[in-house]
C-alpha atoms as a PDB file:
ATOM      1  CA  MET A   1      -0.028   0.048   0.314  1.00  0.00           C
ATOM      2  CA  LYS A   2       1.333   3.545  -0.936  1.00  0.00           C
ATOM      3  CA  ALA A   3       1.963   5.814   1.792  1.00  0.00           C
ATOM      4  CA  HIS A   4      -0.840   8.465   0.600  1.00  0.00           C
ATOM      5  CA  THR A   5      -3.158   5.458   0.496  1.00  0.00           C
ATOM      6  CA  LYS A   6      -2.256   4.777   4.142  1.00  0.00           C
ATOM      7  CA  ILE A   7      -2.745   8.377   5.074  1.00  0.00           C
ATOM      8  CA  ILE A   8      -6.135   8.663   3.426  1.00  0.00           C
ATOM      9  CA  ALA A   9      -7.202   5.431   5.134  1.00  0.00           C
ATOM     10  CA  ALA A  10      -6.087   6.491   8.587  1.00  0.00           C
ATOM     11  CA  SER A  11      -7.641  10.013   7.993  1.00  0.00           C
ATOM     12  CA  LEU A  12     -10.905   8.329   7.112  1.00  0.00           C
ATOM     13  CA  THR A  13     -10.886   6.254   9.810  1.00  0.00           C
ATOM     14  CA  PHE A  14     -10.435   9.049  12.321  1.00  0.00           C
ATOM     15  CA  LEU A  15     -13.326  10.997  10.801  1.00  0.00           C
ATOM     16  CA  LEU A  16     -15.598   8.068  10.958  1.00  0.00           C
ATOM     17  CA  GLY A  17     -14.790   7.602  14.669  1.00  0.00           C
ATOM     18  CA  SER A  18     -15.165  11.068  15.234  1.00  0.00           C
ATOM     19  CA  ALA A  19     -18.582  11.533  13.776  1.00  0.00           C
ATOM     20  CA  LEU A  20     -19.752   8.277  15.590  1.00  0.00           C
ATOM     21  CA  GLY A  21     -18.768   9.793  18.792  1.00  0.00           C
ATOM     22  CA  PHE A  22     -20.221  13.540  18.044  1.00  0.00           C
ATOM     23  CA  ALA A  23     -22.788  14.554  20.509  1.00  0.00           C
ATOM     24  CA  ALA A  24     -24.614  17.581  19.997  1.00  0.00           C
ATOM     25  CA  PRO A  25     -24.530  20.253  22.634  1.00  0.00           C
ATOM     26  CA  ALA A  26     -27.338  20.412  25.183  1.00  0.00           C
ATOM     27  CA  ALA A  27     -28.493  24.134  23.803  1.00  0.00           C
ATOM     28  CA  GLU A  28     -28.711  22.566  20.360  1.00  0.00           C
ATOM     29  CA  ASN A  29     -30.710  19.539  21.503  1.00  0.00           C
ATOM     30  CA  TRP A  30     -33.012  22.044  23.543  1.00  0.00           C
ATOM     31  CA  ASP A  31     -33.718  24.217  20.564  1.00  0.00           C
ATOM     32  CA  ASN A  32     -34.331  21.017  18.564  1.00  0.00           C
ATOM     33  CA  HIS A  33     -36.333  18.803  20.557  1.00  0.00           C
ATOM     34  CA  CYS A  34     -37.828  20.907  23.723  1.00  0.00           C
ATOM     35  CA  ALA A  35     -38.208  24.545  23.199  1.00  0.00           C
ATOM     36  CA  LYS A  36     -41.208  24.036  21.216  1.00  0.00           C
ATOM     37  CA  CYS A  37     -43.066  23.054  24.312  1.00  0.00           C
ATOM     38  CA  HIS A  38     -40.983  24.220  26.945  1.00  0.00           C
ATOM     39  CA  GLY A  39     -39.713  27.454  25.623  1.00  0.00           C
ATOM     40  CA  ALA A  40     -36.176  28.790  24.651  1.00  0.00           C
ATOM     41  CA  ASP A  41     -36.276  30.314  28.040  1.00  0.00           C
ATOM     42  CA  GLY A  42     -37.479  26.946  29.907  1.00  0.00           C
ATOM     43  CA  LYS A  43     -40.791  28.653  31.330  1.00  0.00           C
ATOM     44  CA  GLY A  44     -43.098  26.422  29.336  1.00  0.00           C
ATOM     45  CA  GLN A  45     -44.971  29.670  28.083  1.00  0.00           C
ATOM     46  CA  THR A  46     -45.618  28.382  24.682  1.00  0.00           C
ATOM     47  CA  LYS A  47     -48.861  27.308  23.193  1.00  0.00           C
ATOM     48  CA  VAL A  48     -48.513  23.886  23.782  1.00  0.00           C
ATOM     49  CA  GLY A  49     -46.771  24.489  27.292  1.00  0.00           C
ATOM     50  CA  LYS A  50     -49.484  26.414  28.293  1.00  0.00           C
ATOM     51  CA  LYS A  51     -52.163  23.663  27.056  1.00  0.00           C
ATOM     52  CA  LEU A  52     -49.981  20.949  29.028  1.00  0.00           C
ATOM     53  CA  LYS A  53     -49.507  23.379  32.058  1.00  0.00           C
ATOM     54  CA  LEU A  54     -45.625  22.857  31.880  1.00  0.00           C
ATOM     55  CA  LYS A  55     -43.489  23.714  34.799  1.00  0.00           C
ATOM     56  CA  ASP A  56     -41.497  26.899  34.424  1.00  0.00           C
ATOM     57  CA  TYR A  57     -37.857  26.100  34.908  1.00  0.00           C
ATOM     58  CA  THR A  58     -36.763  29.465  35.836  1.00  0.00           C
ATOM     59  CA  ASP A  59     -38.664  28.912  39.146  1.00  0.00           C
ATOM     60  CA  ALA A  60     -36.372  27.970  41.950  1.00  0.00           C
ATOM     61  CA  ALA A  61     -39.105  25.984  43.687  1.00  0.00           C
ATOM     62  CA  VAL A  62     -39.930  23.976  40.640  1.00  0.00           C
ATOM     63  CA  GLN A  63     -36.138  23.178  40.328  1.00  0.00           C
ATOM     64  CA  ALA A  64     -35.954  22.203  44.088  1.00  0.00           C
ATOM     65  CA  LYS A  65     -38.592  19.713  43.609  1.00  0.00           C
ATOM     66  CA  MET A  66     -36.934  17.988  40.618  1.00  0.00           C
ATOM     67  CA  THR A  67     -34.062  15.315  40.939  1.00  0.00           C
ATOM     68  CA  ASP A  68     -31.623  14.883  38.469  1.00  0.00           C
ATOM     69  CA  GLU A  69     -32.669  11.277  37.966  1.00  0.00           C
ATOM     70  CA  GLU A  70     -36.243  12.333  37.321  1.00  0.00           C
ATOM     71  CA  ILE A  71     -35.184  14.855  34.538  1.00  0.00           C
ATOM     72  CA  ILE A  72     -32.934  11.816  33.168  1.00  0.00           C
ATOM     73  CA  LYS A  73     -35.706   9.609  33.514  1.00  0.00           C
ATOM     74  CA  VAL A  74     -38.513  12.047  31.662  1.00  0.00           C
ATOM     75  CA  THR A  75     -36.127  12.773  28.909  1.00  0.00           C
ATOM     76  CA  THR A  76     -35.089   9.025  28.380  1.00  0.00           C
ATOM     77  CA  GLU A  77     -38.697   7.513  28.712  1.00  0.00           C
ATOM     78  CA  GLY A  78     -41.131  10.336  27.947  1.00  0.00           C
ATOM     79  CA  VAL A  79     -44.283  11.028  29.757  1.00  0.00           C
ATOM     80  CA  MET A  80     -47.698   9.175  29.770  1.00  0.00           C
ATOM     81  CA  ALA A  81     -50.621  10.583  31.243  1.00  0.00           C
ATOM     82  CA  ASP A  82     -54.287   9.077  30.864  1.00  0.00           C
ATOM     83  CA  GLY A  83     -53.021   6.670  28.161  1.00  0.00           C
ATOM     84  CA  LYS A  84     -51.698   9.499  26.099  1.00  0.00           C
ATOM     85  CA  GLU A  85     -48.303  10.475  25.216  1.00  0.00           C
ATOM     86  CA  LYS A  86     -47.452  13.983  26.798  1.00  0.00           C
ATOM     87  CA  MET A  87     -43.995  13.732  25.969  1.00  0.00           C
ATOM     88  CA  LYS A  88     -42.173  11.532  23.892  1.00  0.00           C
ATOM     89  CA  ALA A  89     -39.143   9.405  24.868  1.00  0.00           C
ATOM     90  CA  PHE A  90     -35.732  10.460  23.467  1.00  0.00           C
ATOM     91  CA  LYS A  91     -34.000   7.309  24.223  1.00  0.00           C
ATOM     92  CA  ASP A  92     -33.660   6.319  20.476  1.00  0.00           C
ATOM     93  CA  GLU A  93     -32.562  10.059  19.564  1.00  0.00           C
ATOM     94  CA  LEU A  94     -30.065  11.125  22.159  1.00  0.00           C
ATOM     95  CA  SER A  95     -27.227   9.354  23.606  1.00  0.00           C
ATOM     96  CA  ALA A  96     -27.308   8.820  27.326  1.00  0.00           C
ATOM     97  CA  ASP A  97     -24.402  11.453  27.744  1.00  0.00           C
ATOM     98  CA  GLU A  98     -26.857  13.961  25.822  1.00  0.00           C
ATOM     99  CA  ILE A  99     -29.711  13.105  28.114  1.00  0.00           C
ATOM    100  CA  LYS A 100     -27.494  13.715  31.194  1.00  0.00           C
ATOM    101  CA  ASP A 101     -26.238  16.883  29.825  1.00  0.00           C
ATOM    102  CA  PHE A 102     -29.962  18.206  29.894  1.00  0.00           C
ATOM    103  CA  VAL A 103     -29.476  18.197  33.820  1.00  0.00           C
ATOM    104  CA  ALA A 104     -27.044  20.942  33.751  1.00  0.00           C
ATOM    105  CA  PHE A 105     -28.744  22.695  30.962  1.00  0.00           C
ATOM    106  CA  ILE A 106     -32.021  22.636  32.893  1.00  0.00           C
ATOM    107  CA  ARG A 107     -30.588  23.641  36.034  1.00  0.00           C
ATOM    108  CA  ALA A 108     -28.984  26.674  34.192  1.00  0.00           C
ATOM    109  CA  PHE A 109     -32.502  28.161  33.818  1.00  0.00           C
ATOM    110  CA  LYS A 110     -33.200  28.729  37.547  1.00  0.00           C
ATOM    111  CA  ALA A 111     -33.254  32.507  38.445  1.00  0.00           C
END
């Protein structure tokens, strides 16, 4: 194998490994998956958020009642109520690390 072919092969292997290990930042995932309902600011004052009576994540009292494990569980498994899906599960769309990153992101909304 020629030297330049080895370099190209090594580069492609590195790029593929990097692409597979890519995790989107929490802010990007929030904008893509959560802001429609929870609002860009986490207050839940969107049309859907008001209808579902979503919590205001900027409220310190609301934050105090939520555990990190609950945030991870809800994001991973979604929310069902009265036999209806209120929030979809993101276990198939987001990695475990991306879901864990939501904890710090949501905590940052606290005023």
